[in-house]
Amino acid sequence: MRPPRPSKFGEPVSARQRSLIAAAVVMAGSLLPIVPVVAVVPYLPPLGLLLLVAWRQRSPDILPVWAGAPLGLWDDLLSGHPLGSAMSLWTLILLAIDVVDHRLVWRTFWQDWLIAAGALTGFLVGARLAGTSLGAHVDTVLIIQIAIAIALYPLAAALCGWVDARGQQPR
Protein backbone atom coordinates (compact mmCIF):
# COMPACT_ATOMS: atom_id res chain seq x y z
CA MET A 1 0.00 0.00 0.00
CA ARG A 2 1.22 3.47 -0.89
CA PRO A 3 1.35 6.30 1.67
CA PRO A 4 -1.20 9.08 1.12
CA ARG A 5 -0.13 12.02 -0.99
CA PRO A 6 0.46 15.33 0.73
CA SER A 7 -2.23 17.92 0.14
CA LYS A 8 -1.60 20.66 -2.39
CA PHE A 9 -3.51 23.11 -0.25
CA GLY A 10 -1.39 23.01 2.90
CA GLU A 11 -2.61 22.61 6.43
CA PRO A 12 -5.92 24.28 7.27
CA VAL A 13 -5.90 26.91 9.98
CA SER A 14 -7.43 25.58 13.17
CA ALA A 15 -10.15 27.40 15.11
CA ARG A 16 -7.68 28.10 17.92
CA GLN A 17 -5.24 29.73 15.52
CA ARG A 18 -8.03 31.87 14.06
CA SER A 19 -8.97 32.99 17.59
CA LEU A 20 -5.37 33.88 18.37
CA ILE A 21 -5.06 35.82 15.11
CA ALA A 22 -8.25 37.76 15.87
CA ALA A 23 -7.09 38.54 19.41
CA ALA A 24 -3.68 39.66 18.11
CA VAL A 25 -5.33 41.99 15.58
CA VAL A 26 -7.53 43.52 18.31
CA MET A 27 -4.50 43.94 20.59
CA ALA A 28 -2.56 45.59 17.76
CA GLY A 29 -5.49 47.95 17.24
CA SER A 30 -5.32 48.88 20.91
CA LEU A 31 -1.59 49.56 20.48
CA LEU A 32 -2.03 52.09 17.68
CA PRO A 33 -3.11 55.05 19.84
CA ILE A 34 0.22 55.02 21.69
CA VAL A 35 2.11 55.83 18.49
CA PRO A 36 3.64 59.28 19.07
CA VAL A 37 1.50 61.58 16.94
CA VAL A 38 1.09 65.21 17.90
CA ALA A 39 -2.61 66.07 18.10
CA VAL A 40 -4.32 68.98 19.79
CA VAL A 41 -7.56 67.04 20.27
CA PRO A 42 -7.83 63.24 20.55
CA TYR A 43 -9.87 62.38 17.46
CA LEU A 44 -8.52 58.84 17.12
CA PRO A 45 -11.35 56.36 17.76
CA PRO A 46 -10.94 53.22 19.89
CA LEU A 47 -9.38 51.05 17.19
CA GLY A 48 -9.19 47.97 19.39
CA LEU A 49 -12.94 48.03 19.98
CA LEU A 50 -13.57 48.83 16.33
CA LEU A 51 -11.63 45.71 15.30
CA LEU A 52 -13.25 43.60 18.04
CA VAL A 53 -16.73 44.53 16.81
CA ALA A 54 -15.68 43.87 13.20
CA TRP A 55 -14.34 40.39 14.12
CA ARG A 56 -17.46 39.63 16.14
CA GLN A 57 -19.71 40.64 13.25
CA ARG A 58 -17.61 38.73 10.72
CA SER A 59 -17.73 35.41 12.53
CA PRO A 60 -19.45 35.22 15.92
CA ASP A 61 -17.69 32.01 16.96
CA ILE A 62 -14.13 33.27 16.53
CA LEU A 63 -13.96 35.07 19.88
CA PRO A 64 -16.03 34.07 22.91
CA VAL A 65 -18.17 36.65 24.68
CA TRP A 66 -15.84 36.70 27.68
CA ALA A 67 -12.94 37.80 25.42
CA GLY A 68 -14.05 41.38 26.01
CA ALA A 69 -12.68 41.29 29.55
CA PRO A 70 -9.00 40.44 28.87
CA LEU A 71 -8.90 42.47 25.66
CA GLY A 72 -10.54 45.38 27.49
CA LEU A 73 -7.94 45.09 30.26
CA TRP A 74 -5.21 45.30 27.61
CA ASP A 75 -6.88 48.43 26.21
CA ASP A 76 -7.29 49.94 29.69
CA LEU A 77 -3.61 49.45 30.44
CA LEU A 78 -2.54 51.10 27.18
CA SER A 79 -5.08 53.89 26.82
CA GLY A 80 -5.04 55.37 30.30
CA HIS A 81 -8.77 54.93 30.87
CA PRO A 82 -9.85 54.11 34.43
CA LEU A 83 -8.97 50.48 35.04
CA GLY A 84 -11.97 48.30 34.35
CA SER A 85 -13.91 50.72 32.18
CA ALA A 86 -13.02 49.10 28.85
CA MET A 87 -13.19 45.65 30.45
CA SER A 88 -16.78 46.13 31.52
CA LEU A 89 -17.92 48.13 28.50
CA TRP A 90 -16.36 45.75 25.94
CA THR A 91 -17.94 42.76 27.69
CA LEU A 92 -21.33 44.50 27.77
CA ILE A 93 -20.98 45.37 24.08
CA LEU A 94 -20.17 41.76 23.17
CA LEU A 95 -23.15 40.57 25.22
CA ALA A 96 -25.42 43.07 23.45
CA ILE A 97 -24.13 41.99 20.03
CA ASP A 98 -24.73 38.37 21.03
CA VAL A 99 -28.34 39.19 21.96
CA VAL A 100 -28.84 40.99 18.64
CA ASP A 101 -27.30 37.99 16.82
CA HIS A 102 -29.86 35.68 18.38
CA ARG A 103 -32.76 38.04 17.60
CA LEU A 104 -31.97 38.66 13.94
CA VAL A 105 -32.33 35.78 11.52
CA TRP A 106 -30.07 37.35 8.92
CA ARG A 107 -28.20 40.63 8.61
CA THR A 108 -26.90 42.82 5.85
CA PHE A 109 -23.82 45.00 5.95
CA TRP A 110 -25.96 48.06 6.73
CA GLN A 111 -27.35 46.37 9.81
CA ASP A 112 -23.83 45.38 10.86
CA TRP A 113 -22.78 48.99 10.43
CA LEU A 114 -25.74 50.17 12.53
CA ILE A 115 -24.93 47.65 15.28
CA ALA A 116 -21.28 48.76 15.24
CA ALA A 117 -22.36 52.41 15.39
CA GLY A 118 -24.45 51.72 18.48
CA ALA A 119 -21.63 49.76 20.11
CA LEU A 120 -19.01 52.42 19.41
CA THR A 121 -21.30 55.25 20.51
CA GLY A 122 -22.15 53.39 23.72
CA PHE A 123 -18.49 52.80 24.49
CA LEU A 124 -17.38 56.36 23.81
CA VAL A 125 -20.21 57.85 25.87
CA GLY A 126 -19.55 55.34 28.68
CA ALA A 127 -15.82 56.07 28.62
CA ARG A 128 -16.55 59.79 28.72
CA LEU A 129 -18.80 59.35 31.76
CA ALA A 130 -16.25 57.13 33.51
CA GLY A 131 -13.17 59.16 32.63
CA THR A 132 -14.13 62.83 32.88
CA SER A 133 -16.30 65.00 35.06
CA LEU A 134 -19.71 66.03 33.80
CA GLY A 135 -18.64 69.67 33.72
CA ALA A 136 -15.86 69.01 31.21
CA HIS A 137 -16.48 70.52 27.78
CA VAL A 138 -15.59 67.54 25.62
CA ASP A 139 -18.94 66.84 23.99
CA THR A 140 -18.03 68.39 20.63
CA VAL A 141 -14.86 66.35 20.45
CA LEU A 142 -16.83 63.27 21.49
CA ILE A 143 -19.33 63.74 18.66
CA ILE A 144 -16.50 64.12 16.13
CA GLN A 145 -14.78 61.03 17.53
CA ILE A 146 -18.05 59.05 17.28
CA ALA A 147 -18.49 60.16 13.65
CA ILE A 148 -14.92 59.15 12.78
CA ALA A 149 -15.34 55.77 14.50
CA ILE A 150 -18.59 55.05 12.65
CA ALA A 151 -17.03 56.10 9.34
CA LEU A 152 -14.03 53.81 9.89
CA TYR A 153 -16.11 50.67 10.53
CA PRO A 154 -16.16 49.52 6.86
CA LEU A 155 -12.38 49.83 6.73
CA ALA A 156 -12.03 47.77 9.92
CA ALA A 157 -14.43 45.13 8.56
CA ALA A 158 -12.44 44.95 5.33
CA LEU A 159 -9.18 44.63 7.28
CA CYS A 160 -10.58 41.78 9.37
CA GLY A 161 -11.86 40.08 6.23
CA TRP A 162 -8.47 40.43 4.56
CA VAL A 163 -6.62 39.04 7.60
CA ASP A 164 -9.07 36.15 7.91
CA ALA A 165 -8.84 35.29 4.20
CA ARG A 166 -5.06 35.60 4.33
CA GLY A 167 -4.97 33.16 7.25
CA GLN A 168 -7.04 30.64 5.27
CA GLN A 169 -4.60 30.56 2.35
CA PRO A 170 -2.20 27.62 2.09
CA ARG A 171 1.37 28.22 3.08
C-alpha atoms as a PDB file:
ATOM      1  CA  MET A   1       0.000   0.000   0.000  1.00  0.00           C
ATOM      2  CA  ARG A   2       1.225   3.474  -0.886  1.00  0.00           C
ATOM      3  CA  PRO A   3       1.345   6.302   1.673  1.00  0.00           C
ATOM      4  CA  PRO A   4      -1.201   9.077   1.124  1.00  0.00           C
ATOM      5  CA  ARG A   5      -0.128  12.017  -0.990  1.00  0.00           C
ATOM      6  CA  PRO A   6       0.464  15.333   0.735  1.00  0.00           C
ATOM      7  CA  SER A   7      -2.225  17.915   0.138  1.00  0.00           C
ATOM      8  CA  LYS A   8      -1.601  20.664  -2.386  1.00  0.00           C
ATOM      9  CA  PHE A   9      -3.509  23.109  -0.248  1.00  0.00           C
ATOM     10  CA  GLY A  10      -1.389  23.011   2.896  1.00  0.00           C
ATOM     11  CA  GLU A  11      -2.611  22.614   6.429  1.00  0.00           C
ATOM     12  CA  PRO A  12      -5.916  24.281   7.268  1.00  0.00           C
ATOM     13  CA  VAL A  13      -5.904  26.908   9.977  1.00  0.00           C
ATOM     14  CA  SER A  14      -7.428  25.584  13.173  1.00  0.00           C
ATOM     15  CA  ALA A  15     -10.146  27.403  15.111  1.00  0.00           C
ATOM     16  CA  ARG A  16      -7.683  28.096  17.916  1.00  0.00           C
ATOM     17  CA  GLN A  17      -5.237  29.729  15.520  1.00  0.00           C
ATOM     18  CA  ARG A  18      -8.035  31.871  14.059  1.00  0.00           C
ATOM     19  CA  SER A  19      -8.974  32.991  17.586  1.00  0.00           C
ATOM     20  CA  LEU A  20      -5.370  33.881  18.366  1.00  0.00           C
ATOM     21  CA  ILE A  21      -5.059  35.818  15.108  1.00  0.00           C
ATOM     22  CA  ALA A  22      -8.247  37.759  15.868  1.00  0.00           C
ATOM     23  CA  ALA A  23      -7.089  38.543  19.409  1.00  0.00           C
ATOM     24  CA  ALA A  24      -3.679  39.663  18.108  1.00  0.00           C
ATOM     25  CA  VAL A  25      -5.325  41.993  15.584  1.00  0.00           C
ATOM     26  CA  VAL A  26      -7.525  43.522  18.305  1.00  0.00           C
ATOM     27  CA  MET A  27      -4.504  43.945  20.590  1.00  0.00           C
ATOM     28  CA  ALA A  28      -2.561  45.592  17.760  1.00  0.00           C
ATOM     29  CA  GLY A  29      -5.494  47.947  17.237  1.00  0.00           C
ATOM     30  CA  SER A  30      -5.317  48.878  20.909  1.00  0.00           C
ATOM     31  CA  LEU A  31      -1.590  49.562  20.485  1.00  0.00           C
ATOM     32  CA  LEU A  32      -2.027  52.092  17.675  1.00  0.00           C
ATOM     33  CA  PRO A  33      -3.113  55.048  19.845  1.00  0.00           C
ATOM     34  CA  ILE A  34       0.220  55.017  21.689  1.00  0.00           C
ATOM     35  CA  VAL A  35       2.113  55.835  18.492  1.00  0.00           C
ATOM     36  CA  PRO A  36       3.639  59.276  19.071  1.00  0.00           C
ATOM     37  CA  VAL A  37       1.499  61.585  16.937  1.00  0.00           C
ATOM     38  CA  VAL A  38       1.086  65.215  17.901  1.00  0.00           C
ATOM     39  CA  ALA A  39      -2.608  66.074  18.096  1.00  0.00           C
ATOM     40  CA  VAL A  40      -4.317  68.977  19.789  1.00  0.00           C
ATOM     41  CA  VAL A  41      -7.558  67.042  20.268  1.00  0.00           C
ATOM     42  CA  PRO A  42      -7.831  63.239  20.555  1.00  0.00           C
ATOM     43  CA  TYR A  43      -9.870  62.378  17.465  1.00  0.00           C
ATOM     44  CA  LEU A  44      -8.520  58.838  17.125  1.00  0.00           C
ATOM     45  CA  PRO A  45     -11.345  56.356  17.760  1.00  0.00           C
ATOM     46  CA  PRO A  46     -10.938  53.221  19.890  1.00  0.00           C
ATOM     47  CA  LEU A  47      -9.380  51.053  17.185  1.00  0.00           C
ATOM     48  CA  GLY A  48      -9.188  47.965  19.391  1.00  0.00           C
ATOM     49  CA  LEU A  49     -12.937  48.028  19.982  1.00  0.00           C
ATOM     50  CA  LEU A  50     -13.567  48.826  16.332  1.00  0.00           C
ATOM     51  CA  LEU A  51     -11.634  45.711  15.304  1.00  0.00           C
ATOM     52  CA  LEU A  52     -13.254  43.605  18.043  1.00  0.00           C
ATOM     53  CA  VAL A  53     -16.729  44.528  16.810  1.00  0.00           C
ATOM     54  CA  ALA A  54     -15.676  43.867  13.205  1.00  0.00           C
ATOM     55  CA  TRP A  55     -14.344  40.392  14.117  1.00  0.00           C
ATOM     56  CA  ARG A  56     -17.462  39.628  16.139  1.00  0.00           C
ATOM     57  CA  GLN A  57     -19.705  40.639  13.254  1.00  0.00           C
ATOM     58  CA  ARG A  58     -17.610  38.725  10.717  1.00  0.00           C
ATOM     59  CA  SER A  59     -17.728  35.412  12.529  1.00  0.00           C
ATOM     60  CA  PRO A  60     -19.448  35.221  15.923  1.00  0.00           C
ATOM     61  CA  ASP A  61     -17.688  32.015  16.958  1.00  0.00           C
ATOM     62  CA  ILE A  62     -14.131  33.266  16.525  1.00  0.00           C
ATOM     63  CA  LEU A  63     -13.963  35.068  19.879  1.00  0.00           C
ATOM     64  CA  PRO A  64     -16.031  34.069  22.911  1.00  0.00           C
ATOM     65  CA  VAL A  65     -18.171  36.652  24.679  1.00  0.00           C
ATOM     66  CA  TRP A  66     -15.837  36.698  27.677  1.00  0.00           C
ATOM     67  CA  ALA A  67     -12.937  37.799  25.423  1.00  0.00           C
ATOM     68  CA  GLY A  68     -14.054  41.384  26.006  1.00  0.00           C
ATOM     69  CA  ALA A  69     -12.680  41.293  29.553  1.00  0.00           C
ATOM     70  CA  PRO A  70      -8.996  40.440  28.866  1.00  0.00           C
ATOM     71  CA  LEU A  71      -8.896  42.470  25.657  1.00  0.00           C
ATOM     72  CA  GLY A  72     -10.536  45.378  27.489  1.00  0.00           C
ATOM     73  CA  LEU A  73      -7.941  45.093  30.263  1.00  0.00           C
ATOM     74  CA  TRP A  74      -5.212  45.305  27.609  1.00  0.00           C
ATOM     75  CA  ASP A  75      -6.878  48.429  26.211  1.00  0.00           C
ATOM     76  CA  ASP A  76      -7.291  49.940  29.692  1.00  0.00           C
ATOM     77  CA  LEU A  77      -3.610  49.450  30.444  1.00  0.00           C
ATOM     78  CA  LEU A  78      -2.544  51.096  27.182  1.00  0.00           C
ATOM     79  CA  SER A  79      -5.084  53.888  26.819  1.00  0.00           C
ATOM     80  CA  GLY A  80      -5.041  55.365  30.301  1.00  0.00           C
ATOM     81  CA  HIS A  81      -8.769  54.932  30.875  1.00  0.00           C
ATOM     82  CA  PRO A  82      -9.850  54.112  34.426  1.00  0.00           C
ATOM     83  CA  LEU A  83      -8.968  50.480  35.038  1.00  0.00           C
ATOM     84  CA  GLY A  84     -11.967  48.296  34.355  1.00  0.00           C
ATOM     85  CA  SER A  85     -13.914  50.722  32.176  1.00  0.00           C
ATOM     86  CA  ALA A  86     -13.025  49.099  28.846  1.00  0.00           C
ATOM     87  CA  MET A  87     -13.190  45.654  30.450  1.00  0.00           C
ATOM     88  CA  SER A  88     -16.784  46.132  31.524  1.00  0.00           C
ATOM     89  CA  LEU A  89     -17.921  48.135  28.496  1.00  0.00           C
ATOM     90  CA  TRP A  90     -16.358  45.748  25.944  1.00  0.00           C
ATOM     91  CA  THR A  91     -17.944  42.764  27.692  1.00  0.00           C
ATOM     92  CA  LEU A  92     -21.335  44.502  27.765  1.00  0.00           C
ATOM     93  CA  ILE A  93     -20.981  45.367  24.081  1.00  0.00           C
ATOM     94  CA  LEU A  94     -20.171  41.757  23.169  1.00  0.00           C
ATOM     95  CA  LEU A  95     -23.148  40.567  25.215  1.00  0.00           C
ATOM     96  CA  ALA A  96     -25.417  43.074  23.451  1.00  0.00           C
ATOM     97  CA  ILE A  97     -24.130  41.994  20.028  1.00  0.00           C
ATOM     98  CA  ASP A  98     -24.735  38.373  21.033  1.00  0.00           C
ATOM     99  CA  VAL A  99     -28.343  39.189  21.964  1.00  0.00           C
ATOM    100  CA  VAL A 100     -28.837  40.987  18.643  1.00  0.00           C
ATOM    101  CA  ASP A 101     -27.300  37.994  16.816  1.00  0.00           C
ATOM    102  CA  HIS A 102     -29.856  35.683  18.375  1.00  0.00           C
ATOM    103  CA  ARG A 103     -32.757  38.040  17.603  1.00  0.00           C
ATOM    104  CA  LEU A 104     -31.972  38.661  13.938  1.00  0.00           C
ATOM    105  CA  VAL A 105     -32.327  35.780  11.516  1.00  0.00           C
ATOM    106  CA  TRP A 106     -30.068  37.354   8.921  1.00  0.00           C
ATOM    107  CA  ARG A 107     -28.195  40.633   8.614  1.00  0.00           C
ATOM    108  CA  THR A 108     -26.898  42.822   5.847  1.00  0.00           C
ATOM    109  CA  PHE A 109     -23.816  45.002   5.949  1.00  0.00           C
ATOM    110  CA  TRP A 110     -25.956  48.060   6.731  1.00  0.00           C
ATOM    111  CA  GLN A 111     -27.351  46.371   9.810  1.00  0.00           C
ATOM    112  CA  ASP A 112     -23.826  45.381  10.861  1.00  0.00           C
ATOM    113  CA  TRP A 113     -22.782  48.992  10.431  1.00  0.00           C
ATOM    114  CA  LEU A 114     -25.741  50.174  12.527  1.00  0.00           C
ATOM    115  CA  ILE A 115     -24.926  47.646  15.280  1.00  0.00           C
ATOM    116  CA  ALA A 116     -21.282  48.758  15.237  1.00  0.00           C
ATOM    117  CA  ALA A 117     -22.362  52.412  15.385  1.00  0.00           C
ATOM    118  CA  GLY A 118     -24.449  51.716  18.477  1.00  0.00           C
ATOM    119  CA  ALA A 119     -21.633  49.759  20.110  1.00  0.00           C
ATOM    120  CA  LEU A 120     -19.008  52.423  19.413  1.00  0.00           C
ATOM    121  CA  THR A 121     -21.299  55.247  20.514  1.00  0.00           C
ATOM    122  CA  GLY A 122     -22.155  53.393  23.718  1.00  0.00           C
ATOM    123  CA  PHE A 123     -18.495  52.803  24.489  1.00  0.00           C
ATOM    124  CA  LEU A 124     -17.378  56.358  23.814  1.00  0.00           C
ATOM    125  CA  VAL A 125     -20.206  57.850  25.874  1.00  0.00           C
ATOM    126  CA  GLY A 126     -19.551  55.339  28.677  1.00  0.00           C
ATOM    127  CA  ALA A 127     -15.818  56.066  28.622  1.00  0.00           C
ATOM    128  CA  ARG A 128     -16.548  59.793  28.724  1.00  0.00           C
ATOM    129  CA  LEU A 129     -18.798  59.354  31.757  1.00  0.00           C
ATOM    130  CA  ALA A 130     -16.246  57.134  33.507  1.00  0.00           C
ATOM    131  CA  GLY A 131     -13.173  59.164  32.631  1.00  0.00           C
ATOM    132  CA  THR A 132     -14.134  62.826  32.877  1.00  0.00           C
ATOM    133  CA  SER A 133     -16.297  65.003  35.064  1.00  0.00           C
ATOM    134  CA  LEU A 134     -19.711  66.027  33.795  1.00  0.00           C
ATOM    135  CA  GLY A 135     -18.640  69.667  33.719  1.00  0.00           C
ATOM    136  CA  ALA A 136     -15.858  69.014  31.214  1.00  0.00           C
ATOM    137  CA  HIS A 137     -16.480  70.523  27.785  1.00  0.00           C
ATOM    138  CA  VAL A 138     -15.588  67.537  25.624  1.00  0.00           C
ATOM    139  CA  ASP A 139     -18.937  66.837  23.993  1.00  0.00           C
ATOM    140  CA  THR A 140     -18.034  68.388  20.627  1.00  0.00           C
ATOM    141  CA  VAL A 141     -14.859  66.349  20.447  1.00  0.00           C
ATOM    142  CA  LEU A 142     -16.830  63.269  21.494  1.00  0.00           C
ATOM    143  CA  ILE A 143     -19.329  63.743  18.656  1.00  0.00           C
ATOM    144  CA  ILE A 144     -16.501  64.123  16.131  1.00  0.00           C
ATOM    145  CA  GLN A 145     -14.784  61.030  17.531  1.00  0.00           C
ATOM    146  CA  ILE A 146     -18.049  59.053  17.281  1.00  0.00           C
ATOM    147  CA  ALA A 147     -18.492  60.159  13.653  1.00  0.00           C
ATOM    148  CA  ILE A 148     -14.924  59.149  12.776  1.00  0.00           C
ATOM    149  CA  ALA A 149     -15.341  55.774  14.496  1.00  0.00           C
ATOM    150  CA  ILE A 150     -18.591  55.053  12.650  1.00  0.00           C
ATOM    151  CA  ALA A 151     -17.033  56.099   9.337  1.00  0.00           C
ATOM    152  CA  LEU A 152     -14.026  53.809   9.894  1.00  0.00           C
ATOM    153  CA  TYR A 153     -16.112  50.671  10.529  1.00  0.00           C
ATOM    154  CA  PRO A 154     -16.165  49.517   6.862  1.00  0.00           C
ATOM    155  CA  LEU A 155     -12.382  49.830   6.735  1.00  0.00           C
ATOM    156  CA  ALA A 156     -12.031  47.767   9.925  1.00  0.00           C
ATOM    157  CA  ALA A 157     -14.433  45.133   8.563  1.00  0.00           C
ATOM    158  CA  ALA A 158     -12.444  44.950   5.326  1.00  0.00           C
ATOM    159  CA  LEU A 159      -9.178  44.632   7.278  1.00  0.00           C
ATOM    160  CA  CYS A 160     -10.584  41.781   9.371  1.00  0.00           C
ATOM    161  CA  GLY A 161     -11.865  40.076   6.231  1.00  0.00           C
ATOM    162  CA  TRP A 162      -8.473  40.425   4.560  1.00  0.00           C
ATOM    163  CA  VAL A 163      -6.619  39.044   7.599  1.00  0.00           C
ATOM    164  CA  ASP A 164      -9.074  36.153   7.914  1.00  0.00           C
ATOM    165  CA  ALA A 165      -8.835  35.295   4.203  1.00  0.00           C
ATOM    166  CA  ARG A 166      -5.059  35.596   4.327  1.00  0.00           C
ATOM    167  CA  GLY A 167      -4.967  33.156   7.246  1.00  0.00           C
ATOM    168  CA  GLN A 168      -7.038  30.644   5.274  1.00  0.00           C
ATOM    169  CA  GLN A 169      -4.601  30.558   2.345  1.00  0.00           C
ATOM    170  CA  PRO A 170      -2.202  27.618   2.085  1.00  0.00           C
ATOM    171  CA  ARG A 171       1.368  28.221   3.079  1.00  0.00           C
END
